[in-house]
Amino acid sequence: MLVMGLALALAVGPPTSGPAAARNRKAALEQLRAGEAFLQSEQFEEAAEQFRRAIALDPFLVVAHYNLGYTSMLLKRYPDAVRAYEGCIDAVELMNRAGAAEQEALEKARLDELNEIKDSLTAVRTGKIKNMAPGPTELRYEERIRVLEQLRFGAGAQNPVPAEVYLGLGSAYFRQNLLTEAERAYDRAVRTNDRLGAAHNNLAVIFMLTGRFEQAHTAIRSAEKAGFAVDKRLKADLAAREESAMVTTGRP
């Protein structure tokens, strides 16, 4: 399901380049930055509204969709998060259909946004930005950097959907106990980027919950190979469930 602004864009086709598009993109980036400021100060309702406004102005703005999904997760509005992450996927598809002039404008906007996020990350790490929790803020900036670095615009460019988007989508489904949909999204994440340890870890949880213990072990090994620190409680829970299943079935 698409958010309103994106649904309109799909109906009329990719927006054209030119002064009007440039004004919309500038205004959308201003809304995006306002949303980031609210997000940093943990004003999540206000952040979500700013991200929605950014999307309405510029449906190509992948980070706005992604941030709306992230914020919706913080607000525990999981169906909204699903819609936002799906909107992010549709935004990438829209960008892939854009003309050469629009691709050039998108690449400039991507690089500007990427450089700005990197500067903000450096400021957080060096303590230049006060009153901000370094750990969570750094992780959010790093996630956004990874998403933007996977996108490249230019003549004939065909961008894959960043794996982190599928990871977020899977988590939004998982929180609603929609395990089939969550598994499908996590699987897309690891197919896109096999080094995304969190997605392997989350697949291990689903395999464990659905009694596929060997697959769970394989997913845990893949997560650790990717450098992800698998929680010891997950391994203990998996071992306990395996033992219980053997007792129940009488298998050695």
C-alpha atoms as a PDB file:
ATOM      1  CA  MET A   1       0.000   0.000   0.000  1.00  0.00           C
ATOM      2  CA  LEU A   2       1.335   3.423  -0.933  1.00  0.00           C
ATOM      3  CA  VAL A   3       1.260   6.592   1.092  1.00  0.00           C
ATOM      4  CA  MET A   4      -0.912   9.320  -0.415  1.00  0.00           C
ATOM      5  CA  GLY A   5       1.869  11.370  -1.987  1.00  0.00           C
ATOM      6  CA  LEU A   6       3.492   8.352  -3.589  1.00  0.00           C
ATOM      7  CA  ALA A   7       0.195   6.991  -4.892  1.00  0.00           C
ATOM      8  CA  LEU A   8      -0.388  10.309  -6.668  1.00  0.00           C
ATOM      9  CA  ALA A   9       3.085  10.241  -8.184  1.00  0.00           C
ATOM     10  CA  LEU A  10       2.560   6.735  -9.535  1.00  0.00           C
ATOM     11  CA  ALA A  11      -0.735   7.772 -11.048  1.00  0.00           C
ATOM     12  CA  VAL A  12       0.747  10.683 -13.025  1.00  0.00           C
ATOM     13  CA  GLY A  13       4.241   9.236 -13.583  1.00  0.00           C
ATOM     14  CA  PRO A  14       7.625  10.413 -12.295  1.00  0.00           C
ATOM     15  CA  PRO A  15       7.747  14.169 -11.655  1.00  0.00           C
ATOM     16  CA  THR A  16       9.608  16.180 -14.247  1.00  0.00           C
ATOM     17  CA  SER A  17      12.758  18.110 -13.522  1.00  0.00           C
ATOM     18  CA  GLY A  18      12.870  21.880 -13.581  1.00  0.00           C
ATOM     19  CA  PRO A  19      12.276  24.833 -11.243  1.00  0.00           C
ATOM     20  CA  ALA A  20       9.058  23.435  -9.730  1.00  0.00           C
ATOM     21  CA  ALA A  21      10.650  20.055  -9.020  1.00  0.00           C
ATOM     22  CA  ALA A  22      13.720  21.755  -7.547  1.00  0.00           C
ATOM     23  CA  ARG A  23      11.528  23.868  -5.266  1.00  0.00           C
ATOM     24  CA  ASN A  24       9.636  20.775  -4.116  1.00  0.00           C
ATOM     25  CA  ARG A  25      12.860  18.923  -3.423  1.00  0.00           C
ATOM     26  CA  LYS A  26      14.290  21.852  -1.467  1.00  0.00           C
ATOM     27  CA  ALA A  27      11.107  22.118   0.603  1.00  0.00           C
ATOM     28  CA  ALA A  28      11.045  18.343   1.109  1.00  0.00           C
ATOM     29  CA  LEU A  29      14.637  18.358   2.378  1.00  0.00           C
ATOM     30  CA  GLU A  30      13.725  21.132   4.818  1.00  0.00           C
ATOM     31  CA  GLN A  31      10.865  18.974   6.130  1.00  0.00           C
ATOM     32  CA  LEU A  32      13.236  16.011   6.339  1.00  0.00           C
ATOM     33  CA  ARG A  33      15.718  17.992   8.431  1.00  0.00           C
ATOM     34  CA  ALA A  34      12.918  19.266  10.669  1.00  0.00           C
ATOM     35  CA  GLY A  35      11.804  15.670  11.185  1.00  0.00           C
ATOM     36  CA  GLU A  36      15.357  14.671  12.077  1.00  0.00           C
ATOM     37  CA  ALA A  37      15.518  17.430  14.688  1.00  0.00           C
ATOM     38  CA  PHE A  38      12.269  16.219  16.256  1.00  0.00           C
ATOM     39  CA  LEU A  39      13.517  12.631  16.118  1.00  0.00           C
ATOM     40  CA  GLN A  40      16.739  13.550  17.899  1.00  0.00           C
ATOM     41  CA  SER A  41      14.776  15.253  20.671  1.00  0.00           C
ATOM     42  CA  GLU A  42      12.473  12.196  20.888  1.00  0.00           C
ATOM     43  CA  GLN A  43       9.403  14.114  19.722  1.00  0.00           C
ATOM     44  CA  PHE A  44       8.267  11.199  17.612  1.00  0.00           C
ATOM     45  CA  GLU A  45       4.775  12.384  16.684  1.00  0.00           C
ATOM     46  CA  GLU A  46       6.176  15.636  15.320  1.00  0.00           C
ATOM     47  CA  ALA A  47       8.966  13.789  13.517  1.00  0.00           C
ATOM     48  CA  ALA A  48       6.513  11.456  11.782  1.00  0.00           C
ATOM     49  CA  GLU A  49       4.415  14.402  10.597  1.00  0.00           C
ATOM     50  CA  GLN A  50       7.460  16.142   9.109  1.00  0.00           C
ATOM     51  CA  PHE A  51       8.499  12.978   7.283  1.00  0.00           C
ATOM     52  CA  ARG A  52       4.972  12.592   5.881  1.00  0.00           C
ATOM     53  CA  ARG A  53       5.107  16.170   4.606  1.00  0.00           C
ATOM     54  CA  ALA A  54       8.506  15.544   3.001  1.00  0.00           C
ATOM     55  CA  ILE A  55       7.111  12.506   1.182  1.00  0.00           C
ATOM     56  CA  ALA A  56       4.101  14.479  -0.071  1.00  0.00           C
ATOM     57  CA  LEU A  57       6.454  17.098  -1.515  1.00  0.00           C
ATOM     58  CA  ASP A  58       8.953  14.649  -2.999  1.00  0.00           C
ATOM     59  CA  PRO A  59       7.956  10.978  -3.300  1.00  0.00           C
ATOM     60  CA  PHE A  60      11.479  10.180  -4.544  1.00  0.00           C
ATOM     61  CA  LEU A  61      12.943  10.986  -1.114  1.00  0.00           C
ATOM     62  CA  VAL A  62      13.821   7.469  -0.021  1.00  0.00           C
ATOM     63  CA  VAL A  63      15.248   8.542   3.346  1.00  0.00           C
ATOM     64  CA  ALA A  64      11.962  10.247   4.282  1.00  0.00           C
ATOM     65  CA  HIS A  65      10.071   6.986   3.709  1.00  0.00           C
ATOM     66  CA  TYR A  66      12.730   5.086   5.631  1.00  0.00           C
ATOM     67  CA  ASN A  67      12.690   7.536   8.539  1.00  0.00           C
ATOM     68  CA  LEU A  68       8.903   7.430   8.679  1.00  0.00           C
ATOM     69  CA  GLY A  69       9.088   3.645   8.982  1.00  0.00           C
ATOM     70  CA  TYR A  70      11.725   3.931  11.705  1.00  0.00           C
ATOM     71  CA  THR A  71       9.683   6.523  13.624  1.00  0.00           C
ATOM     72  CA  SER A  72       6.489   4.488  13.275  1.00  0.00           C
ATOM     73  CA  MET A  73       8.319   1.555  14.838  1.00  0.00           C
ATOM     74  CA  LEU A  74       9.310   3.759  17.788  1.00  0.00           C
ATOM     75  CA  LEU A  75       5.668   4.801  18.130  1.00  0.00           C
ATOM     76  CA  LYS A  76       4.661   1.116  17.971  1.00  0.00           C
ATOM     77  CA  ARG A  77       2.457   1.841  14.976  1.00  0.00           C
ATOM     78  CA  TYR A  78       3.477  -1.259  13.128  1.00  0.00           C
ATOM     79  CA  PRO A  79       0.914  -1.168  10.276  1.00  0.00           C
ATOM     80  CA  ASP A  80       2.053   2.423   9.591  1.00  0.00           C
ATOM     81  CA  ALA A  81       5.657   1.212   9.569  1.00  0.00           C
ATOM     82  CA  VAL A  82       4.782  -1.465   7.006  1.00  0.00           C
ATOM     83  CA  ARG A  83       3.197   1.159   4.755  1.00  0.00           C
ATOM     84  CA  ALA A  84       6.203   3.455   5.118  1.00  0.00           C
ATOM     85  CA  TYR A  85       8.742   0.756   4.271  1.00  0.00           C
ATOM     86  CA  GLU A  86       6.607  -0.401   1.343  1.00  0.00           C
ATOM     87  CA  GLY A  87       6.504   3.223   0.241  1.00  0.00           C
ATOM     88  CA  CYS A  88      10.290   3.239   0.400  1.00  0.00           C
ATOM     89  CA  ILE A  89      10.421   0.242  -1.938  1.00  0.00           C
ATOM     90  CA  ASP A  90       8.010   1.958  -4.345  1.00  0.00           C
ATOM     91  CA  ALA A  91      10.115   5.143  -4.204  1.00  0.00           C
ATOM     92  CA  VAL A  92      13.162   3.223  -5.420  1.00  0.00           C
ATOM     93  CA  GLU A  93      11.109   1.781  -8.269  1.00  0.00           C
ATOM     94  CA  LEU A  94       9.919   5.288  -9.157  1.00  0.00           C
ATOM     95  CA  MET A  95      13.498   6.553  -9.239  1.00  0.00           C
ATOM     96  CA  ASN A  96      14.514   3.743 -11.544  1.00  0.00           C
ATOM     97  CA  ARG A  97      11.873   4.933 -14.007  1.00  0.00           C
ATOM     98  CA  ALA A  98      13.039   8.570 -13.950  1.00  0.00           C
ATOM     99  CA  GLY A  99      14.541  10.298 -16.976  1.00  0.00           C
ATOM    100  CA  ALA A 100      18.161  11.371 -17.351  1.00  0.00           C
ATOM    101  CA  ALA A 101      17.617  14.937 -16.107  1.00  0.00           C
ATOM    102  CA  GLU A 102      15.711  13.729 -13.062  1.00  0.00           C
ATOM    103  CA  GLN A 103      18.358  11.098 -12.355  1.00  0.00           C
ATOM    104  CA  GLU A 104      21.033  13.809 -12.399  1.00  0.00           C
ATOM    105  CA  ALA A 105      19.046  15.933  -9.950  1.00  0.00           C
ATOM    106  CA  LEU A 106      18.439  12.918  -7.726  1.00  0.00           C
ATOM    107  CA  GLU A 107      22.145  12.077  -7.668  1.00  0.00           C
ATOM    108  CA  LYS A 108      23.018  15.609  -6.596  1.00  0.00           C
ATOM    109  CA  ALA A 109      20.375  15.500  -3.851  1.00  0.00           C
ATOM    110  CA  ARG A 110      21.637  12.070  -2.749  1.00  0.00           C
ATOM    111  CA  LEU A 111      25.238  13.252  -2.483  1.00  0.00           C
ATOM    112  CA  ASP A 112      24.228  16.437  -0.644  1.00  0.00           C
ATOM    113  CA  GLU A 113      22.164  14.444   1.843  1.00  0.00           C
ATOM    114  CA  LEU A 114      24.903  11.832   2.259  1.00  0.00           C
ATOM    115  CA  ASN A 115      27.552  14.462   2.977  1.00  0.00           C
ATOM    116  CA  GLU A 116      25.270  16.218   5.442  1.00  0.00           C
ATOM    117  CA  ILE A 117      24.578  12.998   7.351  1.00  0.00           C
ATOM    118  CA  LYS A 118      28.283  12.148   7.468  1.00  0.00           C
ATOM    119  CA  ASP A 119      29.024  15.618   8.846  1.00  0.00           C
ATOM    120  CA  SER A 120      26.306  15.166  11.492  1.00  0.00           C
ATOM    121  CA  LEU A 121      27.704  11.760  12.427  1.00  0.00           C
ATOM    122  CA  THR A 122      31.175  13.247  12.870  1.00  0.00           C
ATOM    123  CA  ALA A 123      29.714  16.038  15.013  1.00  0.00           C
ATOM    124  CA  VAL A 124      27.984  13.519  17.260  1.00  0.00           C
ATOM    125  CA  ARG A 125      31.109  11.393  17.641  1.00  0.00           C
ATOM    126  CA  THR A 126      33.313  14.375  18.469  1.00  0.00           C
ATOM    127  CA  GLY A 127      30.825  15.822  20.949  1.00  0.00           C
ATOM    128  CA  LYS A 128      30.110  18.957  18.920  1.00  0.00           C
ATOM    129  CA  ILE A 129      26.370  18.233  19.115  1.00  0.00           C
ATOM    130  CA  LYS A 130      25.160  18.381  22.698  1.00  0.00           C
ATOM    131  CA  ASN A 131      22.112  16.907  24.420  1.00  0.00           C
ATOM    132  CA  MET A 132      22.006  13.895  22.126  1.00  0.00           C
ATOM    133  CA  ALA A 133      22.369  10.210  22.998  1.00  0.00           C
ATOM    134  CA  PRO A 134      25.457   9.216  20.959  1.00  0.00           C
ATOM    135  CA  GLY A 135      24.735   5.477  20.687  1.00  0.00           C
ATOM    136  CA  PRO A 136      21.217   5.470  19.195  1.00  0.00           C
ATOM    137  CA  THR A 137      21.905   8.600  17.135  1.00  0.00           C
ATOM    138  CA  GLU A 138      25.074   7.129  15.641  1.00  0.00           C
ATOM    139  CA  LEU A 139      23.252   3.929  14.720  1.00  0.00           C
ATOM    140  CA  ARG A 140      20.481   5.868  13.004  1.00  0.00           C
ATOM    141  CA  TYR A 141      22.961   7.971  11.033  1.00  0.00           C
ATOM    142  CA  GLU A 142      24.944   4.867  10.083  1.00  0.00           C
ATOM    143  CA  GLU A 143      21.781   3.149   8.846  1.00  0.00           C
ATOM    144  CA  ARG A 144      20.850   6.161   6.715  1.00  0.00           C
ATOM    145  CA  ILE A 145      24.366   6.323   5.296  1.00  0.00           C
ATOM    146  CA  ARG A 146      24.203   2.647   4.324  1.00  0.00           C
ATOM    147  CA  VAL A 147      20.836   3.179   2.631  1.00  0.00           C
ATOM    148  CA  LEU A 148      22.061   6.203   0.651  1.00  0.00           C
ATOM    149  CA  GLU A 149      25.363   4.587  -0.304  1.00  0.00           C
ATOM    150  CA  GLN A 150      23.493   1.714  -1.940  1.00  0.00           C
ATOM    151  CA  LEU A 151      21.668   4.121  -4.268  1.00  0.00           C
ATOM    152  CA  ARG A 152      23.344   5.470  -7.391  1.00  0.00           C
ATOM    153  CA  PHE A 153      21.620   7.668  -9.941  1.00  0.00           C
ATOM    154  CA  GLY A 154      22.580   8.249 -13.546  1.00  0.00           C
ATOM    155  CA  ALA A 155      21.590   7.355 -17.070  1.00  0.00           C
ATOM    156  CA  GLY A 156      20.116   3.863 -17.091  1.00  0.00           C
ATOM    157  CA  ALA A 157      20.752   3.314 -13.364  1.00  0.00           C
ATOM    158  CA  GLN A 158      18.701   0.540 -11.797  1.00  0.00           C
ATOM    159  CA  ASN A 159      18.945   0.649  -8.030  1.00  0.00           C
ATOM    160  CA  PRO A 160      18.169  -2.374  -5.879  1.00  0.00           C
ATOM    161  CA  VAL A 161      16.133  -1.731  -2.766  1.00  0.00           C
ATOM    162  CA  PRO A 162      18.596  -1.371   0.154  1.00  0.00           C
ATOM    163  CA  ALA A 163      18.633  -4.441   2.376  1.00  0.00           C
ATOM    164  CA  GLU A 164      17.986  -2.303   5.475  1.00  0.00           C
ATOM    165  CA  VAL A 165      14.564  -1.421   4.083  1.00  0.00           C
ATOM    166  CA  TYR A 166      13.579  -5.098   3.940  1.00  0.00           C
ATOM    167  CA  LEU A 167      15.013  -5.549   7.440  1.00  0.00           C
ATOM    168  CA  GLY A 168      12.773  -2.780   8.756  1.00  0.00           C
ATOM    169  CA  LEU A 169       9.775  -4.153   6.877  1.00  0.00           C
ATOM    170  CA  GLY A 170      10.354  -7.606   8.337  1.00  0.00           C
ATOM    171  CA  SER A 171      10.512  -6.207  11.855  1.00  0.00           C
ATOM    172  CA  ALA A 172       7.259  -4.289  11.331  1.00  0.00           C
ATOM    173  CA  TYR A 173       5.551  -7.514  10.260  1.00  0.00           C
ATOM    174  CA  PHE A 174       7.152  -9.485  13.095  1.00  0.00           C
ATOM    175  CA  ARG A 175       5.780  -7.063  15.694  1.00  0.00           C
ATOM    176  CA  GLN A 176       2.304  -7.916  14.397  1.00  0.00           C
ATOM    177  CA  ASN A 177       3.044 -11.645  14.635  1.00  0.00           C
ATOM    178  CA  LEU A 178       2.845 -11.922  10.846  1.00  0.00           C
ATOM    179  CA  LEU A 179       5.664 -14.437  10.687  1.00  0.00           C
ATOM    180  CA  THR A 180       5.220 -15.498   7.057  1.00  0.00           C
ATOM    181  CA  GLU A 181       5.420 -11.921   5.833  1.00  0.00           C
ATOM    182  CA  ALA A 182       8.308 -11.164   8.197  1.00  0.00           C
ATOM    183  CA  GLU A 183      10.273 -14.181   6.984  1.00  0.00           C
ATOM    184  CA  ARG A 184       9.734 -13.158   3.369  1.00  0.00           C
ATOM    185  CA  ALA A 185      11.066  -9.654   4.058  1.00  0.00           C
ATOM    186  CA  TYR A 186      14.077 -10.875   6.049  1.00  0.00           C
ATOM    187  CA  ASP A 187      14.857 -13.353   3.282  1.00  0.00           C
ATOM    188  CA  ARG A 188      14.844 -10.498   0.758  1.00  0.00           C
ATOM    189  CA  ALA A 189      17.201  -8.599   3.048  1.00  0.00           C
ATOM    190  CA  VAL A 190      19.821 -11.362   3.174  1.00  0.00           C
ATOM    191  CA  ARG A 191      19.468 -12.034  -0.550  1.00  0.00           C
ATOM    192  CA  THR A 192      20.212  -8.374  -1.162  1.00  0.00           C
ATOM    193  CA  ASN A 193      23.049  -8.215   1.368  1.00  0.00           C
ATOM    194  CA  ASP A 194      24.295 -11.478   2.845  1.00  0.00           C
ATOM    195  CA  ARG A 195      26.436  -9.503   5.322  1.00  0.00           C
ATOM    196  CA  LEU A 196      23.410  -8.019   7.092  1.00  0.00           C
ATOM    197  CA  GLY A 197      23.769 -10.028  10.289  1.00  0.00           C
ATOM    198  CA  ALA A 198      20.644  -8.644  11.959  1.00  0.00           C
ATOM    199  CA  ALA A 199      18.464 -10.105   9.203  1.00  0.00           C
ATOM    200  CA  HIS A 200      20.074 -13.556   9.609  1.00  0.00           C
ATOM    201  CA  ASN A 201      19.538 -13.275  13.366  1.00  0.00           C
ATOM    202  CA  ASN A 202      15.868 -12.406  12.926  1.00  0.00           C
ATOM    203  CA  LEU A 203      15.396 -15.273  10.506  1.00  0.00           C
ATOM    204  CA  ALA A 204      16.868 -17.560  13.172  1.00  0.00           C
ATOM    205  CA  VAL A 205      14.180 -16.383  15.601  1.00  0.00           C
ATOM    206  CA  ILE A 206      11.414 -17.151  13.108  1.00  0.00           C
ATOM    207  CA  PHE A 207      12.885 -20.556  12.263  1.00  0.00           C
ATOM    208  CA  MET A 208      13.055 -21.345  15.980  1.00  0.00           C
ATOM    209  CA  LEU A 209       9.473 -20.232  16.622  1.00  0.00           C
ATOM    210  CA  THR A 210       8.211 -22.360  13.738  1.00  0.00           C
ATOM    211  CA  GLY A 211      10.174 -25.462  14.757  1.00  0.00           C
ATOM    212  CA  ARG A 212      12.778 -25.388  11.993  1.00  0.00           C
ATOM    213  CA  PHE A 213      15.706 -25.835  14.323  1.00  0.00           C
ATOM    214  CA  GLU A 214      18.408 -26.779  11.818  1.00  0.00           C
ATOM    215  CA  GLN A 215      17.608 -23.708   9.755  1.00  0.00           C
ATOM    216  CA  ALA A 216      17.750 -21.645  12.937  1.00  0.00           C
ATOM    217  CA  HIS A 217      21.275 -22.915  13.667  1.00  0.00           C
ATOM    218  CA  THR A 218      22.335 -22.144  10.090  1.00  0.00           C
ATOM    219  CA  ALA A 219      20.927 -18.616  10.340  1.00  0.00           C
ATOM    220  CA  ILE A 220      22.750 -18.042  13.643  1.00  0.00           C
ATOM    221  CA  ARG A 221      26.020 -19.142  12.079  1.00  0.00           C
ATOM    222  CA  SER A 222      25.409 -16.777   9.157  1.00  0.00           C
ATOM    223  CA  ALA A 223      24.676 -13.907  11.548  1.00  0.00           C
ATOM    224  CA  GLU A 224      27.882 -14.510  13.485  1.00  0.00           C
ATOM    225  CA  LYS A 225      29.894 -14.889  10.286  1.00  0.00           C
ATOM    226  CA  ALA A 226      28.629 -11.437   9.318  1.00  0.00           C
ATOM    227  CA  GLY A 227      29.901 -10.062  12.631  1.00  0.00           C
ATOM    228  CA  PHE A 228      26.562  -9.852  14.430  1.00  0.00           C
ATOM    229  CA  ALA A 229      26.598 -10.564  18.167  1.00  0.00           C
ATOM    230  CA  VAL A 230      23.848 -13.161  18.606  1.00  0.00           C
ATOM    231  CA  ASP A 231      22.213 -12.949  22.036  1.00  0.00           C
ATOM    232  CA  LYS A 232      23.056 -15.899  24.277  1.00  0.00           C
ATOM    233  CA  ARG A 233      19.402 -16.045  25.287  1.00  0.00           C
ATOM    234  CA  LEU A 234      18.425 -16.886  21.728  1.00  0.00           C
ATOM    235  CA  LYS A 235      20.855 -19.797  21.660  1.00  0.00           C
ATOM    236  CA  ALA A 236      19.630 -21.005  25.064  1.00  0.00           C
ATOM    237  CA  ASP A 237      15.995 -20.743  23.987  1.00  0.00           C
ATOM    238  CA  LEU A 238      16.752 -22.660  20.794  1.00  0.00           C
ATOM    239  CA  ALA A 239      18.484 -25.435  22.723  1.00  0.00           C
ATOM    240  CA  ALA A 240      15.585 -25.675  25.192  1.00  0.00           C
ATOM    241  CA  ARG A 241      13.006 -25.874  22.420  1.00  0.00           C
ATOM    242  CA  GLU A 242      15.006 -28.560  20.638  1.00  0.00           C
ATOM    243  CA  GLU A 243      15.234 -30.610  23.818  1.00  0.00           C
ATOM    244  CA  SER A 244      11.526 -30.189  24.494  1.00  0.00           C
ATOM    245  CA  ALA A 245      10.692 -31.265  20.945  1.00  0.00           C
ATOM    246  CA  MET A 246      12.817 -34.398  21.294  1.00  0.00           C
ATOM    247  CA  VAL A 247      11.074 -35.309  24.553  1.00  0.00           C
ATOM    248  CA  THR A 248       7.669 -34.748  22.980  1.00  0.00           C
ATOM    249  CA  THR A 249       8.389 -36.784  19.871  1.00  0.00           C
ATOM    250  CA  GLY A 250      10.534 -39.400  21.614  1.00  0.00           C
ATOM    251  CA  ARG A 251      13.410 -38.794  19.203  1.00  0.00           C
ATOM    252  CA  PRO A 252      16.953 -39.217  20.589  1.00  0.00           C
END
